[in-house]
PDB file of N, CA and C in Angstrom:
ATOM      1  N   UNK A   1     126.489  -4.998 235.983  1.00  0.00           N
ATOM      2  CA  UNK A   1     125.885  -3.918 236.726  1.00  0.00           C
ATOM      3  C   UNK A   1     126.431  -2.564 236.273  1.00  0.00           C
ATOM      4  N   UNK A   2     127.646  -2.478 235.805  1.00  0.00           N
ATOM      5  CA  UNK A   2     128.226  -1.199 235.411  1.00  0.00           C
ATOM      6  C   UNK A   2     127.550  -0.606 234.182  1.00  0.00           C
ATOM      7  N   UNK A   3     126.894  -1.418 233.350  1.00  0.00           N
ATOM      8  CA  UNK A   3     126.215  -0.890 232.175  1.00  0.00           C
ATOM      9  C   UNK A   3     124.882  -0.206 232.525  1.00  0.00           C
ATOM     10  N   UNK A   4     124.500  -0.217 233.808  1.00  0.00           N
ATOM     11  CA  UNK A   4     123.285   0.465 234.250  1.00  0.00           C
ATOM     12  C   UNK A   4     123.513   1.961 234.418  1.00  0.00           C
ATOM     13  N   UNK A   5     124.779   2.360 234.543  1.00  0.00           N
ATOM     14  CA  UNK A   5     125.098   3.755 234.823  1.00  0.00           C
ATOM     15  C   UNK A   5     125.845   4.371 233.659  1.00  0.00           C
ATOM     16  N   UNK A   6     125.397   5.526 233.238  1.00  0.00           N
ATOM     17  CA  UNK A   6     126.085   6.272 232.199  1.00  0.00           C
ATOM     18  C   UNK A   6     126.990   7.288 232.897  1.00  0.00           C
ATOM     19  N   UNK A   7     128.304   7.188 232.729  1.00  0.00           N
ATOM     20  CA  UNK A   7     129.205   8.085 233.446  1.00  0.00           C
ATOM     21  C   UNK A   7     129.174   9.519 232.926  1.00  0.00           C
ATOM     22  N   UNK A   8     128.544   9.769 231.795  1.00  0.00           N
ATOM     23  CA  UNK A   8     128.470  11.106 231.234  1.00  0.00           C
ATOM     24  C   UNK A   8     127.150  11.753 231.595  1.00  0.00           C
ATOM     25  N   UNK A   9     127.228  12.954 232.168  1.00  0.00           N
ATOM     26  CA  UNK A   9     126.023  13.689 232.523  1.00  0.00           C
ATOM     27  C   UNK A   9     125.952  14.943 231.664  1.00  0.00           C
ATOM     28  N   UNK A  10     124.779  15.287 231.215  1.00  0.00           N
ATOM     29  CA  UNK A  10     124.595  16.511 230.445  1.00  0.00           C
ATOM     30  C   UNK A  10     124.017  17.572 231.364  1.00  0.00           C
ATOM     31  N   UNK A  11     124.650  18.737 231.345  1.00  0.00           N
ATOM     32  CA  UNK A  11     124.160  19.858 232.119  1.00  0.00           C
ATOM     33  C   UNK A  11     123.077  20.563 231.312  1.00  0.00           C
ATOM     34  N   UNK A  12     121.928  20.790 231.916  1.00  0.00           N
ATOM     35  CA  UNK A  12     120.827  21.448 231.225  1.00  0.00           C
ATOM     36  C   UNK A  12     120.460  22.711 231.997  1.00  0.00           C
ATOM     37  N   UNK A  13     120.522  23.851 231.317  1.00  0.00           N
ATOM     38  CA  UNK A  13     120.152  25.126 231.911  1.00  0.00           C
ATOM     39  C   UNK A  13     118.657  25.337 231.683  1.00  0.00           C
ATOM     40  N   UNK A  14     117.878  25.332 232.758  1.00  0.00           N
ATOM     41  CA  UNK A  14     116.434  25.458 232.643  1.00  0.00           C
ATOM     42  C   UNK A  14     115.921  26.868 232.904  1.00  0.00           C
ATOM     43  N   UNK A  15     116.820  27.816 233.106  1.00  0.00           N
ATOM     44  CA  UNK A  15     116.399  29.176 233.396  1.00  0.00           C
ATOM     45  C   UNK A  15     116.072  29.888 232.093  1.00  0.00           C
ATOM     46  N   UNK A  16     114.884  30.456 231.993  1.00  0.00           N
ATOM     47  CA  UNK A  16     114.417  31.056 230.749  1.00  0.00           C
ATOM     48  C   UNK A  16     115.290  32.226 230.285  1.00  0.00           C
ATOM     49  N   UNK A  17     115.155  33.388 230.895  1.00  0.00           N
ATOM     50  CA  UNK A  17     115.941  34.552 230.504  1.00  0.00           C
ATOM     51  C   UNK A  17     116.353  35.313 231.753  1.00  0.00           C
ATOM     52  N   UNK A  18     117.518  35.018 232.256  1.00  0.00           N
ATOM     53  CA  UNK A  18     117.965  35.636 233.500  1.00  0.00           C
ATOM     54  C   UNK A  18     118.621  37.008 233.312  1.00  0.00           C
ATOM     55  N   UNK A  19     118.656  37.520 232.083  1.00  0.00           N
ATOM     56  CA  UNK A  19     119.408  38.748 231.834  1.00  0.00           C
ATOM     57  C   UNK A  19     118.896  39.936 232.659  1.00  0.00           C
ATOM     58  N   UNK A  20     117.603  40.059 232.851  1.00  0.00           N
ATOM     59  CA  UNK A  20     117.061  41.166 233.650  1.00  0.00           C
ATOM     60  C   UNK A  20     117.494  41.038 235.112  1.00  0.00           C
ATOM     61  N   UNK A  21     117.515  39.823 235.612  1.00  0.00           N
ATOM     62  CA  UNK A  21     117.949  39.594 236.992  1.00  0.00           C
ATOM     63  C   UNK A  21     119.424  39.927 237.153  1.00  0.00           C
ATOM     64  N   UNK A  22     120.245  39.442 236.238  1.00  0.00           N
ATOM     65  CA  UNK A  22     121.685  39.709 236.303  1.00  0.00           C
ATOM     66  C   UNK A  22     121.934  41.204 236.203  1.00  0.00           C
ATOM     67  N   UNK A  23     121.246  41.886 235.297  1.00  0.00           N
ATOM     68  CA  UNK A  23     121.406  43.340 235.129  1.00  0.00           C
ATOM     69  C   UNK A  23     120.998  44.083 236.392  1.00  0.00           C
ATOM     70  N   UNK A  24     119.896  43.685 237.024  1.00  0.00           N
ATOM     71  CA  UNK A  24     119.433  44.354 238.243  1.00  0.00           C
ATOM     72  C   UNK A  24     120.448  44.194 239.369  1.00  0.00           C
ATOM     73  N   UNK A  25     121.015  42.997 239.504  1.00  0.00           N
ATOM     74  CA  UNK A  25     122.024  42.750 240.535  1.00  0.00           C
ATOM     75  C   UNK A  25     123.274  43.580 240.243  1.00  0.00           C
ATOM     76  N   UNK A  26     123.710  43.560 239.004  1.00  0.00           N
ATOM     77  CA  UNK A  26     124.883  44.333 238.586  1.00  0.00           C
ATOM     78  C   UNK A  26     124.672  45.818 238.879  1.00  0.00           C
ATOM     79  N   UNK A  27     123.532  46.351 238.496  1.00  0.00           N
ATOM     80  CA  UNK A  27     123.242  47.772 238.708  1.00  0.00           C
ATOM     81  C   UNK A  27     123.215  48.121 240.194  1.00  0.00           C
ATOM     82  N   UNK A  28     122.611  47.268 241.005  1.00  0.00           N
ATOM     83  CA  UNK A  28     122.554  47.522 242.449  1.00  0.00           C
ATOM     84  C   UNK A  28     123.957  47.541 243.052  1.00  0.00           C
ATOM     85  N   UNK A  29     124.802  46.613 242.621  1.00  0.00           N
ATOM     86  CA  UNK A  29     126.179  46.600 243.122  1.00  0.00           C
ATOM     87  C   UNK A  29     126.923  47.868 242.724  1.00  0.00           C
ATOM     88  N   UNK A  30     126.791  48.274 241.476  1.00  0.00           N
ATOM     89  CA  UNK A  30     127.461  49.492 240.991  1.00  0.00           C
ATOM     90  C   UNK A  30     126.949  50.732 241.724  1.00  0.00           C
ATOM     91  N   UNK A  31     125.637  50.817 241.935  1.00  0.00           N
ATOM     92  CA  UNK A  31     125.060  51.977 242.626  1.00  0.00           C
ATOM     93  C   UNK A  31     125.584  52.109 244.049  1.00  0.00           C
ATOM     94  N   UNK A  32     125.904  50.985 244.658  1.00  0.00           N
ATOM     95  CA  UNK A  32     126.441  50.998 246.026  1.00  0.00           C
ATOM     96  C   UNK A  32     127.957  51.167 246.053  1.00  0.00           C
ATOM     97  N   UNK A  33     128.572  51.276 244.863  1.00  0.00           N
ATOM     98  CA  UNK A  33     130.010  51.547 244.805  1.00  0.00           C
ATOM     99  C   UNK A  33     130.896  50.320 244.777  1.00  0.00           C
ATOM    100  N   UNK A  34     130.323  49.161 244.590  1.00  0.00           N
ATOM    101  CA  UNK A  34     131.096  47.921 244.541  1.00  0.00           C
ATOM    102  C   UNK A  34     131.626  47.663 243.136  1.00  0.00           C
ATOM    103  N   UNK A  35     132.716  46.926 243.056  1.00  0.00           N
ATOM    104  CA  UNK A  35     133.194  46.392 241.777  1.00  0.00           C
ATOM    105  C   UNK A  35     132.304  45.190 241.480  1.00  0.00           C
ATOM    106  N   UNK A  36     131.279  45.404 240.680  1.00  0.00           N
ATOM    107  CA  UNK A  36     130.208  44.424 240.498  1.00  0.00           C
ATOM    108  C   UNK A  36     130.722  43.066 240.033  1.00  0.00           C
ATOM    109  N   UNK A  37     131.611  43.057 239.053  1.00  0.00           N
ATOM    110  CA  UNK A  37     132.124  41.778 238.541  1.00  0.00           C
ATOM    111  C   UNK A  37     132.838  41.010 239.647  1.00  0.00           C
ATOM    112  N   UNK A  38     133.642  41.692 240.442  1.00  0.00           N
ATOM    113  CA  UNK A  38     134.370  41.026 241.530  1.00  0.00           C
ATOM    114  C   UNK A  38     133.411  40.437 242.561  1.00  0.00           C
ATOM    115  N   UNK A  39     132.360  41.174 242.874  1.00  0.00           N
ATOM    116  CA  UNK A  39     131.397  40.688 243.859  1.00  0.00           C
ATOM    117  C   UNK A  39     130.635  39.471 243.332  1.00  0.00           C
ATOM    118  N   UNK A  40     130.255  39.513 242.069  1.00  0.00           N
ATOM    119  CA  UNK A  40     129.535  38.387 241.488  1.00  0.00           C
ATOM    120  C   UNK A  40     130.433  37.157 241.423  1.00  0.00           C
ATOM    121  N   UNK A  41     131.692  37.341 241.054  1.00  0.00           N
ATOM    122  CA  UNK A  41     132.633  36.220 241.028  1.00  0.00           C
ATOM    123  C   UNK A  41     132.804  35.642 242.432  1.00  0.00           C
ATOM    124  N   UNK A  42     132.929  36.497 243.421  1.00  0.00           N
ATOM    125  CA  UNK A  42     133.040  36.021 244.807  1.00  0.00           C
ATOM    126  C   UNK A  42     131.851  35.173 245.200  1.00  0.00           C
ATOM    127  N   UNK A  43     130.676  35.611 244.811  1.00  0.00           N
ATOM    128  CA  UNK A  43     129.467  34.840 245.092  1.00  0.00           C
ATOM    129  C   UNK A  43     129.478  33.499 244.359  1.00  0.00           C
ATOM    130  N   UNK A  44     129.855  33.522 243.082  1.00  0.00           N
ATOM    131  CA  UNK A  44     129.873  32.284 242.299  1.00  0.00           C
ATOM    132  C   UNK A  44     130.845  31.271 242.875  1.00  0.00           C
ATOM    133  N   UNK A  45     132.002  31.731 243.291  1.00  0.00           N
ATOM    134  CA  UNK A  45     133.029  30.818 243.811  1.00  0.00           C
ATOM    135  C   UNK A  45     132.655  30.279 245.183  1.00  0.00           C
ATOM    136  N   UNK A  46     132.206  31.165 246.064  1.00  0.00           N
ATOM    137  CA  UNK A  46     131.992  30.765 247.456  1.00  0.00           C
ATOM    138  C   UNK A  46     130.571  30.302 247.761  1.00  0.00           C
ATOM    139  N   UNK A  47     129.609  30.819 247.026  1.00  0.00           N
ATOM    140  CA  UNK A  47     128.213  30.545 247.352  1.00  0.00           C
ATOM    141  C   UNK A  47     127.695  31.409 248.485  1.00  0.00           C
ATOM    142  N   UNK A  48     128.530  32.316 248.973  1.00  0.00           N
ATOM    143  CA  UNK A  48     128.162  33.180 250.083  1.00  0.00           C
ATOM    144  C   UNK A  48     127.378  34.388 249.558  1.00  0.00           C
ATOM    145  N   UNK A  49     126.091  34.477 249.865  1.00  0.00           N
ATOM    146  CA  UNK A  49     125.273  35.563 249.331  1.00  0.00           C
ATOM    147  C   UNK A  49     125.658  36.940 249.868  1.00  0.00           C
ATOM    148  N   UNK A  50     126.481  36.997 250.921  1.00  0.00           N
ATOM    149  CA  UNK A  50     126.861  38.311 251.448  1.00  0.00           C
ATOM    150  C   UNK A  50     127.780  39.075 250.493  1.00  0.00           C
ATOM    151  N   UNK A  51     128.265  38.420 249.442  1.00  0.00           N
ATOM    152  CA  UNK A  51     129.009  39.141 248.403  1.00  0.00           C
ATOM    153  C   UNK A  51     128.086  40.077 247.619  1.00  0.00           C
ATOM    154  N   UNK A  52     126.799  39.838 247.680  1.00  0.00           N
ATOM    155  CA  UNK A  52     125.823  40.620 246.925  1.00  0.00           C
ATOM    156  C   UNK A  52     125.061  41.512 247.895  1.00  0.00           C
ATOM    157  N   UNK A  53     124.992  42.793 247.573  1.00  0.00           N
ATOM    158  CA  UNK A  53     124.278  43.739 248.420  1.00  0.00           C
ATOM    159  C   UNK A  53     122.787  43.394 248.516  1.00  0.00           C
ATOM    160  N   UNK A  54     122.206  43.748 249.625  1.00  0.00           N
ATOM    161  CA  UNK A  54     120.760  43.563 249.771  1.00  0.00           C
ATOM    162  C   UNK A  54     120.005  44.767 249.195  1.00  0.00           C
ATOM    163  N   UNK A  55     120.726  45.794 248.807  1.00  0.00           N
ATOM    164  CA  UNK A  55     120.139  46.991 248.204  1.00  0.00           C
ATOM    165  C   UNK A  55     119.321  46.592 246.973  1.00  0.00           C
ATOM    166  N   UNK A  56     118.114  47.144 246.872  1.00  0.00           N
ATOM    167  CA  UNK A  56     117.178  46.840 245.786  1.00  0.00           C
ATOM    168  C   UNK A  56     116.893  45.343 245.646  1.00  0.00           C
ATOM    169  N   UNK A  57     116.987  44.621 246.765  1.00  0.00           N
ATOM    170  CA  UNK A  57     116.676  43.191 246.822  1.00  0.00           C
ATOM    171  C   UNK A  57     117.601  42.327 245.944  1.00  0.00           C
ATOM    172  N   UNK A  58     118.798  42.857 245.635  1.00  0.00           N
ATOM    173  CA  UNK A  58     119.723  42.161 244.738  1.00  0.00           C
ATOM    174  C   UNK A  58     120.133  40.785 245.272  1.00  0.00           C
ATOM    175  N   UNK A  59     120.334  40.684 246.572  1.00  0.00           N
ATOM    176  CA  UNK A  59     120.752  39.398 247.154  1.00  0.00           C
ATOM    177  C   UNK A  59     119.688  38.327 246.925  1.00  0.00           C
ATOM    178  N   UNK A  60     118.446  38.664 247.141  1.00  0.00           N
ATOM    179  CA  UNK A  60     117.367  37.702 246.909  1.00  0.00           C
ATOM    180  C   UNK A  60     117.207  37.392 245.425  1.00  0.00           C
ATOM    181  N   UNK A  61     117.368  38.415 244.602  1.00  0.00           N
ATOM    182  CA  UNK A  61     117.236  38.206 243.158  1.00  0.00           C
ATOM    183  C   UNK A  61     118.257  37.206 242.629  1.00  0.00           C
ATOM    184  N   UNK A  62     119.521  37.387 243.007  1.00  0.00           N
ATOM    185  CA  UNK A  62     120.556  36.514 242.454  1.00  0.00           C
ATOM    186  C   UNK A  62     120.371  35.076 242.918  1.00  0.00           C
ATOM    187  N   UNK A  63     119.769  34.901 244.067  1.00  0.00           N
ATOM    188  CA  UNK A  63     119.553  33.551 244.578  1.00  0.00           C
ATOM    189  C   UNK A  63     118.398  32.836 243.885  1.00  0.00           C
ATOM    190  N   UNK A  64     117.679  33.536 243.014  1.00  0.00           N
ATOM    191  CA  UNK A  64     116.617  32.873 242.248  1.00  0.00           C
ATOM    192  C   UNK A  64     117.192  32.072 241.084  1.00  0.00           C
ATOM    193  N   UNK A  65     118.481  32.275 240.805  1.00  0.00           N
ATOM    194  CA  UNK A  65     119.159  31.538 239.733  1.00  0.00           C
ATOM    195  C   UNK A  65     120.243  30.681 240.380  1.00  0.00           C
ATOM    196  N   UNK A  66     120.260  29.404 240.059  1.00  0.00           N
ATOM    197  CA  UNK A  66     121.281  28.511 240.608  1.00  0.00           C
ATOM    198  C   UNK A  66     122.668  28.996 240.178  1.00  0.00           C
ATOM    199  N   UNK A  67     123.645  28.868 241.066  1.00  0.00           N
ATOM    200  CA  UNK A  67     125.002  29.324 240.743  1.00  0.00           C
ATOM    201  C   UNK A  67     125.565  28.611 239.523  1.00  0.00           C
ATOM    202  N   UNK A  68     125.313  27.326 239.371  1.00  0.00           N
ATOM    203  CA  UNK A  68     125.840  26.630 238.193  1.00  0.00           C
ATOM    204  C   UNK A  68     125.164  27.130 236.918  1.00  0.00           C
ATOM    205  N   UNK A  69     123.902  27.551 237.004  1.00  0.00           N
ATOM    206  CA  UNK A  69     123.235  28.144 235.850  1.00  0.00           C
ATOM    207  C   UNK A  69     123.866  29.494 235.497  1.00  0.00           C
ATOM    208  N   UNK A  70     124.175  30.284 236.524  1.00  0.00           N
ATOM    209  CA  UNK A  70     124.838  31.565 236.277  1.00  0.00           C
ATOM    210  C   UNK A  70     126.188  31.354 235.585  1.00  0.00           C
ATOM    211  N   UNK A  71     126.968  30.407 236.081  1.00  0.00           N
ATOM    212  CA  UNK A  71     128.273  30.141 235.459  1.00  0.00           C
ATOM    213  C   UNK A  71     128.096  29.696 234.019  1.00  0.00           C
ATOM    214  N   UNK A  72     127.095  28.869 233.771  1.00  0.00           N
ATOM    215  CA  UNK A  72     126.815  28.419 232.411  1.00  0.00           C
ATOM    216  C   UNK A  72     126.475  29.603 231.509  1.00  0.00           C
ATOM    217  N   UNK A  73     125.670  30.510 231.995  1.00  0.00           N
ATOM    218  CA  UNK A  73     125.278  31.691 231.234  1.00  0.00           C
ATOM    219  C   UNK A  73     126.498  32.533 230.892  1.00  0.00           C
ATOM    220  N   UNK A  74     127.352  32.786 231.873  1.00  0.00           N
ATOM    221  CA  UNK A  74     128.523  33.625 231.652  1.00  0.00           C
ATOM    222  C   UNK A  74     129.520  32.972 230.702  1.00  0.00           C
ATOM    223  N   UNK A  75     129.756  31.689 230.859  1.00  0.00           N
ATOM    224  CA  UNK A  75     130.699  31.002 229.976  1.00  0.00           C
ATOM    225  C   UNK A  75     130.168  30.967 228.549  1.00  0.00           C
ATOM    226  N   UNK A  76     128.901  30.641 228.396  1.00  0.00           N
ATOM    227  CA  UNK A  76     128.317  30.623 227.047  1.00  0.00           C
ATOM    228  C   UNK A  76     128.382  31.999 226.389  1.00  0.00           C
ATOM    229  N   UNK A  77     128.080  33.040 227.157  1.00  0.00           N
ATOM    230  CA  UNK A  77     128.151  34.394 226.609  1.00  0.00           C
ATOM    231  C   UNK A  77     129.571  34.707 226.158  1.00  0.00           C
ATOM    232  N   UNK A  78     130.533  34.375 226.999  1.00  0.00           N
ATOM    233  CA  UNK A  78     131.934  34.639 226.672  1.00  0.00           C
ATOM    234  C   UNK A  78     132.344  33.873 225.414  1.00  0.00           C
ATOM    235  N   UNK A  79     132.016  32.613 225.352  1.00  0.00           N
ATOM    236  CA  UNK A  79     132.381  31.817 224.193  1.00  0.00           C
ATOM    237  C   UNK A  79     131.696  32.293 222.914  1.00  0.00           C
ATOM    238  N   UNK A  80     130.439  32.682 223.022  1.00  0.00           N
ATOM    239  CA  UNK A  80     129.677  33.123 221.854  1.00  0.00           C
ATOM    240  C   UNK A  80     130.070  34.515 221.371  1.00  0.00           C
ATOM    241  N   UNK A  81     130.502  35.383 222.301  1.00  0.00           N
ATOM    242  CA  UNK A  81     130.716  36.774 221.947  1.00  0.00           C
ATOM    243  C   UNK A  81     132.171  37.236 221.956  1.00  0.00           C
ATOM    244  N   UNK A  82     133.024  36.500 222.616  1.00  0.00           N
ATOM    245  CA  UNK A  82     134.420  36.922 222.736  1.00  0.00           C
ATOM    246  C   UNK A  82     135.329  35.984 221.936  1.00  0.00           C
ATOM    247  N   UNK A  83     135.017  34.730 221.946  1.00  0.00           N
ATOM    248  CA  UNK A  83     135.895  33.724 221.330  1.00  0.00           C
ATOM    249  C   UNK A  83     135.458  33.333 219.936  1.00  0.00           C
ATOM    250  N   UNK A  84     134.780  34.187 219.234  1.00  0.00           N
ATOM    251  CA  UNK A  84     134.322  33.837 217.881  1.00  0.00           C
ATOM    252  C   UNK A  84     135.476  33.826 216.915  1.00  0.00           C
TER     253      UNK A  84
END
């Protein structure tokens, strides 16, 4: 029975191009005077959308992308652009 289950799962990011959404959320946070990176990290860690301002609909926008997809995007960007 154990050969029916594969213990390895592949994570697949199905979000097309979230860069405009991430930029809009970032800009809204900055315009309201927040440390945007800190607020986004708080949201990613906790899942609490109140870390993101509702200004310019940023809270609703960020929730259109799954948190694990956002983390995947950020890690891939960091690895591709910083750790070369």
